[in-house]
Amino acid sequence: MTSVYNDADYLSVYKQKQRIFYVFMAITLVYLAFCVAWEIYYVSLPYADKMQTLPKVMVYVASALYVIFVFPFMAIKYARVRKYCKMLGYVSEGLKMEEKNYFYVFREKSLQKDNIDVTGCVFETWSKKKSEWLEREAYFDAEKPLPAFESGDYVRYVTQSNFIIQYEIIQKKAYEFTQEEYDEETEGETNE
């Protein structure tokens, strides 16, 4: 079976998360040192000095710049890397489910699962109980190259939290989907 993730992926993302956090801490410490220096300067001024407004203005401007930096940096960049690192941690520790289904199509819409960009891999499985084909969608990491699945391939895959982490093509073109099945799929996409 082909593994999507390896130990180097987790180590790389963990190091990236640490670097981002250290940059944040360094900028925070510079900001605090800047504010403390201006506070010391402000306290050392004589009473009713005309220069008292300068430290206040400098701290206000520095605080505004710090807040402008912190929200995008920590809320976007760090949060995304943290979620990705968390997902890779679950891949190694979490419960896994193995399935064998016929691959149908990739759904390359702008999908996100747990704030991670993914590509939907749609599989079809025959339901004996309902006597119809049922759709099963698993997610593939958008940062990884897509597997060489073609419509009708019989695929064995392992998922963890609905992310495909391992896959194997058992038989190429094992099932040929009819034109009616393709038409039903395109009708469903136009109605959405």
Protein backbone atom coordinates (compact mmCIF):
# COMPACT_ATOMS: atom_id res chain seq x y z
CA MET A 1 0.00 0.00 0.00
CA THR A 2 1.13 3.53 -0.74
CA SER A 3 1.36 5.76 2.34
CA VAL A 4 0.37 9.39 1.91
CA TYR A 5 2.21 10.62 5.00
CA ASN A 6 5.50 9.65 6.59
CA ASP A 7 7.41 10.64 9.73
CA ALA A 8 9.32 13.37 7.86
CA ASP A 9 6.02 15.15 7.12
CA TYR A 10 5.13 15.38 10.80
CA LEU A 11 8.63 16.45 11.77
CA SER A 12 8.69 19.15 9.08
CA VAL A 13 5.29 20.59 10.10
CA TYR A 14 6.22 20.44 13.79
CA LYS A 15 9.42 22.41 13.12
CA GLN A 16 7.47 24.94 11.06
CA LYS A 17 4.99 25.36 13.91
CA GLN A 18 7.84 25.91 16.38
CA ARG A 19 9.52 28.50 14.10
CA ILE A 20 6.30 30.47 13.74
CA PHE A 21 5.77 30.40 17.51
CA TYR A 22 9.36 31.56 18.18
CA VAL A 23 8.93 34.47 15.73
CA PHE A 24 5.74 35.44 17.55
CA MET A 25 7.48 35.25 20.94
CA ALA A 26 10.46 37.30 19.69
CA ILE A 27 8.20 40.05 18.36
CA THR A 28 6.17 40.01 21.58
CA LEU A 29 9.33 40.36 23.67
CA VAL A 30 10.55 43.25 21.48
CA TYR A 31 7.15 44.92 21.88
CA LEU A 32 7.22 44.48 25.68
CA ALA A 33 10.80 45.79 25.90
CA PHE A 34 9.78 48.80 23.78
CA CYS A 35 6.80 49.52 26.07
CA VAL A 36 8.85 49.09 29.26
CA ALA A 37 11.57 51.42 27.93
CA TRP A 38 9.01 54.12 27.17
CA GLU A 39 7.38 53.56 30.58
CA ILE A 40 10.74 54.06 32.30
CA TYR A 41 11.32 57.20 30.22
CA TYR A 42 7.83 58.48 31.08
CA VAL A 43 8.33 57.91 34.83
CA SER A 44 11.71 59.68 34.77
CA LEU A 45 10.23 62.87 33.29
CA PRO A 46 9.53 65.80 35.64
CA TYR A 47 5.95 66.61 36.55
CA ALA A 48 3.98 68.47 33.83
CA ASP A 49 6.77 68.13 31.26
CA LYS A 50 5.82 68.84 27.63
CA MET A 51 7.47 65.55 26.52
CA GLN A 52 4.94 63.39 28.40
CA THR A 53 2.83 62.92 25.25
CA LEU A 54 5.70 61.39 23.25
CA PRO A 55 5.92 58.12 25.27
CA LYS A 56 2.13 57.78 25.20
CA VAL A 57 1.94 58.24 21.43
CA MET A 58 4.83 55.82 20.82
CA VAL A 59 3.23 53.10 22.97
CA TYR A 60 -0.18 53.63 21.32
CA VAL A 61 1.33 53.32 17.84
CA ALA A 62 3.41 50.29 18.82
CA SER A 63 0.34 48.64 20.38
CA ALA A 64 -1.73 49.21 17.24
CA LEU A 65 1.04 47.77 15.05
CA TYR A 66 1.43 44.80 17.37
CA VAL A 67 -2.31 44.03 17.27
CA ILE A 68 -2.34 44.40 13.47
CA PHE A 69 0.53 41.89 13.32
CA VAL A 70 -0.80 39.40 15.88
CA PHE A 71 -4.27 38.76 14.50
CA PRO A 72 -3.31 37.70 10.95
CA PHE A 73 -0.09 35.99 11.99
CA MET A 74 -1.49 33.93 14.83
CA ALA A 75 -5.10 33.54 13.71
CA ILE A 76 -4.28 32.54 10.15
CA LYS A 77 -0.73 31.28 9.75
CA TYR A 78 -0.10 29.69 13.13
CA ALA A 79 -3.63 28.29 13.49
CA ARG A 80 -3.47 26.55 10.10
CA VAL A 81 -0.06 25.01 10.80
CA ARG A 82 -1.23 23.93 14.25
CA LYS A 83 -4.34 22.22 12.80
CA TYR A 84 -2.23 20.46 10.16
CA CYS A 85 0.23 19.27 12.81
CA LYS A 86 -2.67 18.06 14.94
CA MET A 87 -4.13 16.15 11.98
CA LEU A 88 -0.76 14.47 11.30
CA GLY A 89 -0.58 13.50 14.97
CA TYR A 90 -3.99 11.86 14.69
CA VAL A 91 -2.84 9.99 11.57
CA SER A 92 -0.21 8.18 13.60
CA GLU A 93 -2.34 7.60 16.71
CA GLY A 94 -6.00 7.63 15.70
CA LEU A 95 -8.45 4.89 14.77
CA LYS A 96 -8.21 3.79 11.17
CA MET A 97 -10.81 2.28 8.89
CA GLU A 98 -10.08 0.18 5.81
CA GLU A 99 -12.47 -0.01 2.86
CA LYS A 100 -12.58 -1.38 -0.67
CA ASN A 101 -14.70 0.55 -3.17
CA TYR A 102 -14.84 1.61 -6.80
CA PHE A 103 -13.35 5.01 -7.44
CA TYR A 104 -15.73 7.37 -9.22
CA VAL A 105 -14.37 10.92 -9.47
CA PHE A 106 -12.33 13.66 -7.75
CA ARG A 107 -14.25 16.67 -6.44
CA GLU A 108 -11.88 19.59 -6.63
CA LYS A 109 -14.11 22.24 -5.12
CA SER A 110 -12.80 24.52 -2.41
CA LEU A 111 -13.28 22.03 0.40
CA GLN A 112 -11.92 22.19 3.92
CA LYS A 113 -11.99 19.51 6.57
CA ASP A 114 -10.83 20.64 10.02
CA ASN A 115 -9.44 23.85 8.40
CA ILE A 116 -7.23 21.82 6.04
CA ASP A 117 -7.61 22.15 2.27
CA VAL A 118 -8.70 18.84 0.78
CA THR A 119 -9.79 17.26 -2.46
CA GLY A 120 -12.83 15.01 -2.31
CA CYS A 121 -12.36 11.45 -3.58
CA VAL A 122 -15.75 9.98 -4.40
CA PHE A 123 -16.10 6.21 -4.23
CA GLU A 124 -19.13 4.18 -5.20
CA THR A 125 -20.19 1.08 -3.31
CA TRP A 126 -23.07 -1.27 -4.05
CA SER A 127 -25.68 -1.50 -1.30
CA LYS A 128 -27.34 -4.92 -1.25
CA LYS A 129 -29.94 -3.65 1.19
CA LYS A 130 -31.07 -0.69 -0.96
CA SER A 131 -30.11 -2.27 -4.31
CA GLU A 132 -28.39 0.89 -5.49
CA TRP A 133 -25.01 2.55 -5.69
CA LEU A 134 -24.13 4.66 -2.67
CA GLU A 135 -21.61 7.47 -2.70
CA ARG A 136 -18.75 7.48 -0.20
CA GLU A 137 -16.54 10.57 -0.08
CA ALA A 138 -13.10 10.47 1.52
CA TYR A 139 -10.70 13.40 1.63
CA PHE A 140 -7.21 13.66 0.19
CA ASP A 141 -4.76 16.32 1.35
CA ALA A 142 -4.58 19.08 -1.29
CA GLU A 143 -0.87 19.62 -0.55
CA LYS A 144 -0.04 16.08 -1.66
CA PRO A 145 -0.05 14.89 -5.29
CA LEU A 146 -3.31 13.19 -6.20
CA PRO A 147 -3.21 9.43 -6.62
CA ALA A 148 -3.48 7.99 -10.13
CA PHE A 149 -7.08 6.85 -9.66
CA GLU A 150 -9.25 6.53 -12.75
CA SER A 151 -12.99 6.13 -12.84
CA GLY A 152 -13.88 2.48 -12.22
CA ASP A 153 -10.68 1.47 -10.39
CA TYR A 154 -11.20 -0.94 -7.51
CA VAL A 155 -9.30 0.66 -4.63
CA ARG A 156 -8.43 -0.43 -1.12
CA TYR A 157 -7.83 2.57 1.12
CA VAL A 158 -7.30 3.33 4.79
CA THR A 159 -8.82 6.46 6.32
CA GLN A 160 -8.37 8.21 9.61
CA SER A 161 -10.97 10.90 10.35
CA ASN A 162 -12.05 10.52 6.71
CA PHE A 163 -8.55 11.47 5.43
CA ILE A 164 -7.02 8.91 3.10
CA ILE A 165 -3.70 7.93 4.63
CA GLN A 166 -2.94 4.78 2.60
CA TYR A 167 -4.24 3.44 -0.68
CA GLU A 168 -3.72 0.66 -3.18
CA ILE A 169 -5.28 0.12 -6.60
CA ILE A 170 -6.38 -3.50 -6.57
CA GLN A 171 -7.70 -3.60 -10.12
CA LYS A 172 -7.62 -0.96 -12.86
CA LYS A 173 -10.94 -0.31 -14.65
CA ALA A 174 -12.72 -2.98 -12.62
CA TYR A 175 -16.11 -1.36 -13.17
CA GLU A 176 -17.38 0.75 -16.03
CA PHE A 177 -19.84 3.43 -14.92
CA THR A 178 -22.70 3.96 -17.37
CA GLN A 179 -23.60 7.26 -18.99
CA GLU A 180 -26.75 7.44 -16.82
CA GLU A 181 -24.63 7.40 -13.66
CA TYR A 182 -22.45 10.22 -15.04
CA ASP A 183 -25.58 12.22 -15.96
CA GLU A 184 -26.99 11.83 -12.43
CA GLU A 185 -23.69 13.12 -11.02
CA THR A 186 -23.63 16.21 -13.27
CA GLU A 187 -27.31 16.96 -12.51
CA GLY A 188 -26.53 16.90 -8.78
CA GLU A 189 -23.62 19.33 -9.28
CA THR A 190 -25.71 21.83 -11.28
CA ASN A 191 -28.48 21.80 -8.66
CA GLU A 192 -26.07 22.69 -5.82
